[in-house]
Protein backbone atom coordinates (compact mmCIF):
# COMPACT_ATOMS: atom_id res chain seq x y z
CA UNK A 1 86.89 77.72 112.39
CA UNK A 2 89.15 80.81 112.14
CA UNK A 3 92.37 81.02 109.99
CA UNK A 4 94.32 80.56 113.36
CA UNK A 5 92.54 77.34 113.88
CA UNK A 6 93.23 75.82 110.51
CA UNK A 7 96.97 76.87 110.72
CA UNK A 8 97.39 75.58 114.28
CA UNK A 9 95.84 71.99 113.48
CA UNK A 10 98.28 71.42 110.55
CA UNK A 11 101.48 71.22 112.65
CA UNK A 12 102.40 69.86 116.08
CA UNK A 13 102.64 72.55 119.08
CA UNK A 14 105.94 74.68 118.91
CA UNK A 15 107.88 74.25 122.16
CA UNK A 16 110.68 76.55 121.70
CA UNK A 17 108.74 79.74 122.54
CA UNK A 18 106.52 80.86 125.63
CA UNK A 19 103.80 83.18 124.53
CA UNK A 20 101.93 85.43 126.59
CA UNK A 21 98.39 86.68 125.52
CA UNK A 22 97.40 89.95 127.24
CA UNK A 23 94.01 91.06 127.33
CA UNK A 24 93.71 94.57 129.08
CA UNK A 25 89.94 95.12 128.67
CA UNK A 26 87.81 91.80 128.61
CA UNK A 27 84.12 92.62 128.97
CA UNK A 28 82.40 90.45 131.45
CA UNK A 29 79.99 88.99 128.70
CA UNK A 30 79.33 85.39 127.84
CA UNK A 31 80.32 86.34 124.06
CA UNK A 32 83.48 87.64 125.24
CA UNK A 33 84.04 84.72 127.56
CA UNK A 34 83.29 82.30 124.57
CA UNK A 35 85.83 84.14 122.38
CA UNK A 36 88.31 83.64 125.19
CA UNK A 37 87.83 79.92 125.48
CA UNK A 38 88.32 79.77 121.66
CA UNK A 39 91.52 81.77 121.98
CA UNK A 40 92.72 79.18 124.61
CA UNK A 41 91.77 76.22 122.42
CA UNK A 42 93.59 77.76 119.53
CA UNK A 43 96.80 78.35 121.56
CA UNK A 44 96.71 74.97 122.86
CA UNK A 45 96.82 73.43 119.41
CA UNK A 46 99.56 75.78 118.25
CA UNK A 47 101.87 76.15 121.12
CA UNK A 48 103.19 74.15 124.16
CA UNK A 49 103.66 76.87 126.44
CA UNK A 50 101.50 79.80 126.87
CA UNK A 51 99.53 81.95 129.25
CA UNK A 52 96.64 84.45 128.95
CA UNK A 53 96.74 87.51 131.30
CA UNK A 54 93.22 89.22 131.96
CA UNK A 55 93.33 92.43 133.69
CA UNK A 56 90.20 93.40 135.70
CA UNK A 57 89.18 95.82 138.54
CA UNK A 58 89.18 94.36 142.04
CA UNK A 59 85.35 94.86 142.24
CA UNK A 60 84.72 92.57 139.19
CA UNK A 61 86.45 89.35 140.60
CA UNK A 62 83.45 87.37 141.03
CA UNK A 63 82.25 87.83 137.42
CA UNK A 64 85.56 86.38 136.15
CA UNK A 65 86.25 83.75 138.68
CA UNK A 66 84.40 81.17 136.61
CA UNK A 67 86.86 81.30 133.82
CA UNK A 68 89.43 79.78 136.13
CA UNK A 69 87.63 76.49 136.04
CA UNK A 70 87.73 76.18 132.17
CA UNK A 71 91.02 77.72 131.17
CA UNK A 72 94.04 76.27 132.71
CA UNK A 73 96.55 78.78 131.57
CA UNK A 74 94.65 81.97 132.70
CA UNK A 75 96.04 84.61 134.98
CA UNK A 76 93.73 87.28 136.25
CA UNK A 77 95.31 90.41 137.67
CA UNK A 78 93.05 92.82 139.68
CA UNK A 79 93.89 96.42 139.45
CA UNK A 80 92.88 99.42 141.32
CA UNK A 81 89.64 101.20 140.27
CA UNK A 82 89.96 103.57 137.37
CA UNK A 83 93.06 102.20 135.72
CA UNK A 84 93.00 103.37 132.19
CA UNK A 85 93.14 101.24 129.18
CA UNK A 86 96.77 102.51 128.02
CA UNK A 87 97.98 102.04 131.54
CA UNK A 88 96.58 98.43 131.62
CA UNK A 89 98.56 97.79 128.55
CA UNK A 90 101.95 98.60 130.29
CA UNK A 91 100.82 96.53 133.33
CA UNK A 92 99.98 93.51 131.28
CA UNK A 93 103.34 93.87 129.45
CA UNK A 94 105.02 94.03 132.83
CA UNK A 95 103.42 91.04 134.07
CA UNK A 96 103.83 88.92 131.05
CA UNK A 97 106.75 86.48 131.00
CA UNK A 98 106.52 85.01 127.52
CA UNK A 99 109.19 85.40 124.89
CA UNK A 100 106.61 86.83 122.66
CA UNK A 101 103.98 89.08 124.13
CA UNK A 102 100.55 89.45 122.40
CA UNK A 103 98.65 92.61 123.38
CA UNK A 104 95.07 91.76 122.38
CA UNK A 105 91.74 93.15 122.04
CA UNK A 106 89.08 90.35 122.18
CA UNK A 107 87.06 92.11 119.51
CA UNK A 108 89.92 91.90 117.01
CA UNK A 109 90.60 88.30 117.19
CA UNK A 110 88.03 87.17 114.59
CA UNK A 111 89.82 89.42 112.09
CA UNK A 112 93.32 88.23 112.97
CA UNK A 113 95.42 84.86 112.30
CA UNK A 114 97.16 85.67 115.62
CA UNK A 115 98.91 82.44 115.64
CA UNK A 116 100.78 83.37 112.45
CA UNK A 117 101.49 86.74 113.79
CA UNK A 118 103.03 85.22 117.04
CA UNK A 119 105.06 82.83 114.91
CA UNK A 120 106.42 85.79 112.51
CA UNK A 121 107.35 87.96 115.45
CA UNK A 122 109.32 85.02 116.93
CA UNK A 123 111.04 83.96 113.72
CA UNK A 124 111.96 87.38 112.40
CA UNK A 125 112.19 89.22 115.94
CA UNK A 126 109.99 92.17 114.93
CA UNK A 127 106.68 93.74 115.98
CA UNK A 128 103.96 92.48 113.70
CA UNK A 129 101.15 94.98 113.70
CA UNK A 130 97.92 94.59 111.73
CA UNK A 131 96.30 97.47 110.00
CA UNK A 132 92.73 97.78 108.77
CA UNK A 133 92.61 97.97 104.97
CA UNK A 134 89.84 100.50 104.67
CA UNK A 135 88.17 103.30 106.92
CA UNK A 136 85.35 105.76 106.31
CA UNK A 137 86.09 109.43 105.51
CA UNK A 138 84.02 110.50 108.44
CA UNK A 139 86.09 108.28 110.83
CA UNK A 140 89.34 109.40 109.22
CA UNK A 141 88.25 113.14 109.45
CA UNK A 142 87.43 112.58 113.15
CA UNK A 143 90.74 111.17 113.75
CA UNK A 144 92.77 113.76 111.83
CA UNK A 145 93.59 116.11 114.91
CA UNK A 146 94.61 112.97 116.92
CA UNK A 147 96.97 111.86 114.05
CA UNK A 148 98.46 115.61 113.76
CA UNK A 149 99.03 115.37 117.60
CA UNK A 150 100.69 111.89 117.24
CA UNK A 151 102.96 113.30 114.63
CA UNK A 152 103.93 116.27 116.65
CA UNK A 153 104.62 113.85 119.61
CA UNK A 154 106.82 111.65 117.52
CA UNK A 155 104.38 108.57 116.83
CA UNK A 156 102.73 107.15 114.03
CA UNK A 157 99.14 107.45 115.13
CA UNK A 158 96.17 106.68 112.91
CA UNK A 159 92.80 105.00 112.90
CA UNK A 160 93.94 102.00 110.95
CA UNK A 161 96.59 100.90 113.41
CA UNK A 162 94.93 97.92 115.24
CA UNK A 163 95.12 97.54 119.02
CA UNK A 164 96.25 93.95 118.85
CA UNK A 165 99.85 93.08 117.89
CA UNK A 166 102.57 90.71 118.47
CA UNK A 167 105.88 91.87 120.01
CA UNK A 168 109.07 90.16 121.16
CA UNK A 169 110.10 90.28 124.77
CA UNK A 170 113.27 92.13 124.18
CA UNK A 171 111.42 95.01 122.27
CA UNK A 172 108.95 95.04 124.96
CA UNK A 173 111.55 95.59 127.72
CA UNK A 174 112.94 98.50 125.47
CA UNK A 175 109.61 100.11 125.36
CA UNK A 176 108.70 99.62 129.06
CA UNK A 177 111.98 101.68 129.82
CA UNK A 178 110.63 104.67 127.98
CA UNK A 179 108.73 107.43 129.83
CA UNK A 180 106.00 107.54 127.26
CA UNK A 181 105.50 103.52 127.44
CA UNK A 182 101.80 103.97 127.53
CA UNK A 183 101.99 105.30 123.99
CA UNK A 184 104.98 103.21 122.86
CA UNK A 185 103.04 100.09 123.60
CA UNK A 186 99.99 101.23 121.33
CA UNK A 187 101.45 103.07 118.29
CA UNK A 188 104.93 102.83 116.67
CA UNK A 189 107.43 105.62 117.96
CA UNK A 190 109.02 107.47 114.94
CA UNK A 191 112.35 107.70 116.87
CA UNK A 192 112.45 103.87 118.08
CA UNK A 193 114.99 101.87 116.23
CA UNK A 194 113.04 98.38 115.80
CA UNK A 195 111.56 96.29 112.84
CA UNK A 196 107.93 96.57 112.31
CA UNK A 197 105.97 94.50 110.02
CA UNK A 198 102.38 95.87 109.08
CA UNK A 199 99.89 93.36 107.98
CA UNK A 200 96.69 94.45 106.05
CA UNK A 201 93.42 93.33 107.52
CA UNK A 202 89.99 93.38 105.83
CA UNK A 203 87.53 94.85 108.30
CA UNK A 204 84.41 93.65 106.80
CA UNK A 205 83.62 91.78 109.88
CA UNK A 206 82.09 93.72 112.71
CA UNK A 207 84.22 94.23 115.95
CA UNK A 208 82.46 94.09 119.01
CA UNK A 209 83.12 94.13 122.68
CA UNK A 210 84.61 97.63 122.54
CA UNK A 211 83.90 99.61 125.46
CA UNK A 212 84.84 103.25 126.64
CA UNK A 213 85.85 103.96 123.22
CA UNK A 214 85.21 107.72 123.49
CA UNK A 215 86.93 107.79 126.97
CA UNK A 216 90.03 106.12 125.30
CA UNK A 217 90.24 108.57 122.54
CA UNK A 218 90.02 111.71 124.98
CA UNK A 219 92.60 110.01 126.90
CA UNK A 220 94.80 109.37 123.86
CA UNK A 221 94.49 113.14 123.10
CA UNK A 222 95.52 114.09 126.50
CA UNK A 223 98.51 111.93 126.68
CA UNK A 224 99.46 113.02 122.97
CA UNK A 225 99.35 116.74 124.25
CA UNK A 226 101.39 115.86 127.28
CA UNK A 227 104.16 114.25 125.15
CA UNK A 228 104.45 117.26 122.83
CA UNK A 229 105.66 119.11 126.02
CA UNK A 230 109.38 118.50 125.40
CA UNK A 231 109.05 119.74 121.85
CA UNK A 232 107.05 122.73 122.88
CA UNK A 233 109.70 123.53 125.61
CA UNK A 234 112.30 123.48 122.84
CA UNK A 235 110.34 126.29 121.14
CA UNK A 236 109.63 128.09 124.28
CA UNK A 237 113.44 128.23 125.00
CA UNK A 238 114.13 129.56 121.63
CA UNK A 239 111.56 132.39 121.86
CA UNK A 240 112.50 133.28 125.38
CA UNK A 241 116.23 133.44 124.39
CA UNK A 242 115.14 135.71 121.30
CA UNK A 243 113.07 137.91 123.86
CA UNK A 244 116.15 138.52 125.91
CA UNK A 245 118.12 139.56 122.97
CA UNK A 246 115.50 141.82 121.80
CA UNK A 247 115.18 143.50 125.17
CA UNK A 248 118.99 144.01 125.15
CA UNK A 249 118.93 145.52 121.71
CA UNK A 250 115.93 147.74 122.74
CA UNK A 251 117.94 148.81 126.03
CA UNK A 252 120.94 149.54 123.67
CA UNK A 253 118.76 151.70 121.34
CA UNK A 254 117.31 153.58 124.43
CA UNK A 255 120.85 154.48 125.74
CA UNK A 256 121.90 155.49 122.09
CA UNK A 257 118.77 157.91 121.81
CA UNK A 258 119.32 159.34 125.19
CA UNK A 259 122.97 160.07 124.53
CA UNK A 260 122.68 161.35 121.09
CA UNK A 261 119.38 163.42 120.97
CA UNK A 262 119.32 166.54 123.08
CA UNK A 263 115.49 166.82 123.00
CA UNK A 264 113.58 163.50 124.03
CA UNK A 265 109.83 163.15 124.66
CA UNK A 266 109.32 163.48 128.51
CA UNK A 267 109.10 159.96 130.17
CA UNK A 268 110.03 158.25 126.99
CA UNK A 269 113.59 157.03 128.29
CA UNK A 270 112.18 156.00 131.52
CA UNK A 271 109.20 153.91 130.12
CA UNK A 272 111.49 152.52 127.41
CA UNK A 273 114.01 151.43 129.82
CA UNK A 274 111.38 149.78 132.15
CA UNK A 275 109.88 147.87 129.02
CA UNK A 276 113.38 146.72 128.02
CA UNK A 277 114.16 145.52 131.47
CA UNK A 278 110.85 143.80 131.84
CA UNK A 279 111.63 141.92 128.48
CA UNK A 280 114.99 141.00 129.56
CA UNK A 281 113.69 139.63 132.94
CA UNK A 282 110.73 137.81 131.40
CA UNK A 283 112.76 136.40 128.80
CA UNK A 284 115.42 135.00 131.20
CA UNK A 285 112.98 133.77 133.72
CA UNK A 286 111.21 131.79 130.90
CA UNK A 287 114.30 130.55 129.25
CA UNK A 288 115.51 129.36 132.79
CA UNK A 289 112.35 127.74 133.59
CA UNK A 290 111.97 125.90 130.42
CA UNK A 291 115.62 124.81 130.56
CA UNK A 292 114.98 123.49 134.04
CA UNK A 293 111.64 121.54 132.92
CA UNK A 294 113.68 120.01 130.07
CA UNK A 295 116.37 118.86 132.37
CA UNK A 296 113.78 117.24 134.64
CA UNK A 297 112.01 115.65 131.61
CA UNK A 298 115.49 114.31 130.26
CA UNK A 299 116.33 112.70 133.68
CA UNK A 300 112.77 111.49 134.56
CA UNK A 301 112.59 107.94 134.96
CA UNK A 302 109.02 106.14 134.87
CA UNK A 303 108.85 104.39 138.18
CA UNK A 304 106.69 101.28 138.36
CA UNK A 305 103.75 101.66 140.89
CA UNK A 306 101.81 99.06 142.92
CA UNK A 307 99.01 98.97 140.56
CA UNK A 308 98.49 95.17 140.69
CA UNK A 309 96.51 94.37 143.87
CA UNK A 310 96.26 90.65 143.58
CA UNK A 311 96.43 87.63 141.05
CA UNK A 312 93.94 84.73 140.41
CA UNK A 313 95.52 82.16 138.28
CA UNK A 314 94.94 78.67 137.13
CA UNK A 315 98.40 78.31 135.61
CA UNK A 316 101.73 77.37 137.22
CA UNK A 317 104.02 77.84 134.00
CA UNK A 318 107.29 77.11 135.95
CA UNK A 319 105.69 73.67 137.19
CA UNK A 320 104.61 72.91 133.66
CA UNK A 321 107.88 73.53 132.13
CA UNK A 322 109.77 71.66 134.81
CA UNK A 323 107.60 68.57 134.48
CA UNK A 324 107.58 68.64 130.53
CA UNK A 325 111.28 69.11 130.46
CA UNK A 326 111.54 66.28 133.07
CA UNK A 327 113.91 68.11 135.39
CA UNK A 328 114.07 67.04 139.07
CA UNK A 329 115.64 68.97 141.80
CA UNK A 330 116.34 67.56 145.27
CA UNK A 331 113.79 69.22 147.63
CA UNK A 332 116.17 69.37 150.58
CA UNK A 333 118.79 71.36 148.78
CA UNK A 334 119.11 74.85 149.98
CA UNK A 335 119.96 77.54 147.37
CA UNK A 336 123.57 77.88 148.56
CA UNK A 337 124.22 74.10 148.21
CA UNK A 338 122.84 74.07 144.64
CA UNK A 339 125.75 73.32 142.23
CA UNK A 340 125.76 72.45 138.52
CA UNK A 341 125.87 68.72 139.45
CA UNK A 342 123.23 68.85 142.02
CA UNK A 343 120.26 68.22 139.86
CA UNK A 344 119.47 65.37 137.59
CA UNK A 345 118.28 65.87 134.14
CA UNK A 346 116.73 62.77 132.41
CA UNK A 347 117.10 62.27 128.82
């Protein structure tokens, strides 16, 4: 029995919060499915309202369909083939309806008291991120370039930041509005005004089920490089602006030499004039292009695509809430006729 199991059995299920457990990458293995059933059992003891969201590719539907028969609160969203891990985290966060969203890696759950993390996030209104207490020198060295890219991109990126964390719905909505939501829903942004709680976690247990680890790291490096672009464009703008001033200064110098000296090396004035004009033109062109790109990046809004193809679910959260709260609505009432007095709430 995990720590989460022991903590959840000591109190009655909490009914003031709806929890969404999101699993962007769940391998189709019996061991992973067993961990998922354990997760469902633990949540059942700790909370009254919850849902589990699993994201899979459309071609894998048959392998995951049997889970619907054993897990009542499961939602399986099928995605387009090749949807990356970080994009999956964004989609899962968009699909979640809970007050607290727990983005989880199935391999992390044995290390975490996730019930307590969810309760902390709900009570304190903060993001609760577990951090591994130790890591080998070799792994830290391998991650050092990615950490440096993260710092340049404005993120706290490190090997000790675990991929599973609890986050309140309001903060999720704020992060989803960012153009860099893929990164913001994985690592803490340095420019984001939110409260974070970092929990030390012993990594003495072996984590499994992790797939496509190298591909994730390569993609992480790519999106970090892409997110450096706004800061890099700023330096490009400053450099090109300086090039324009140097070209103008050189042009003035050429004119002064041409007017003050009676003997000048043949072709020097022509060649120098061309060089100064070329410097002014290139500096102005690069400066204008960089400003235009910065304007586009500043105005860019991340548009939600049609990434979710279909959903298989064994949960009807709204029906459960209606039944448990004992609320009855007249079936023949059309929306325009519903008024505050048109429904009957039983005590």
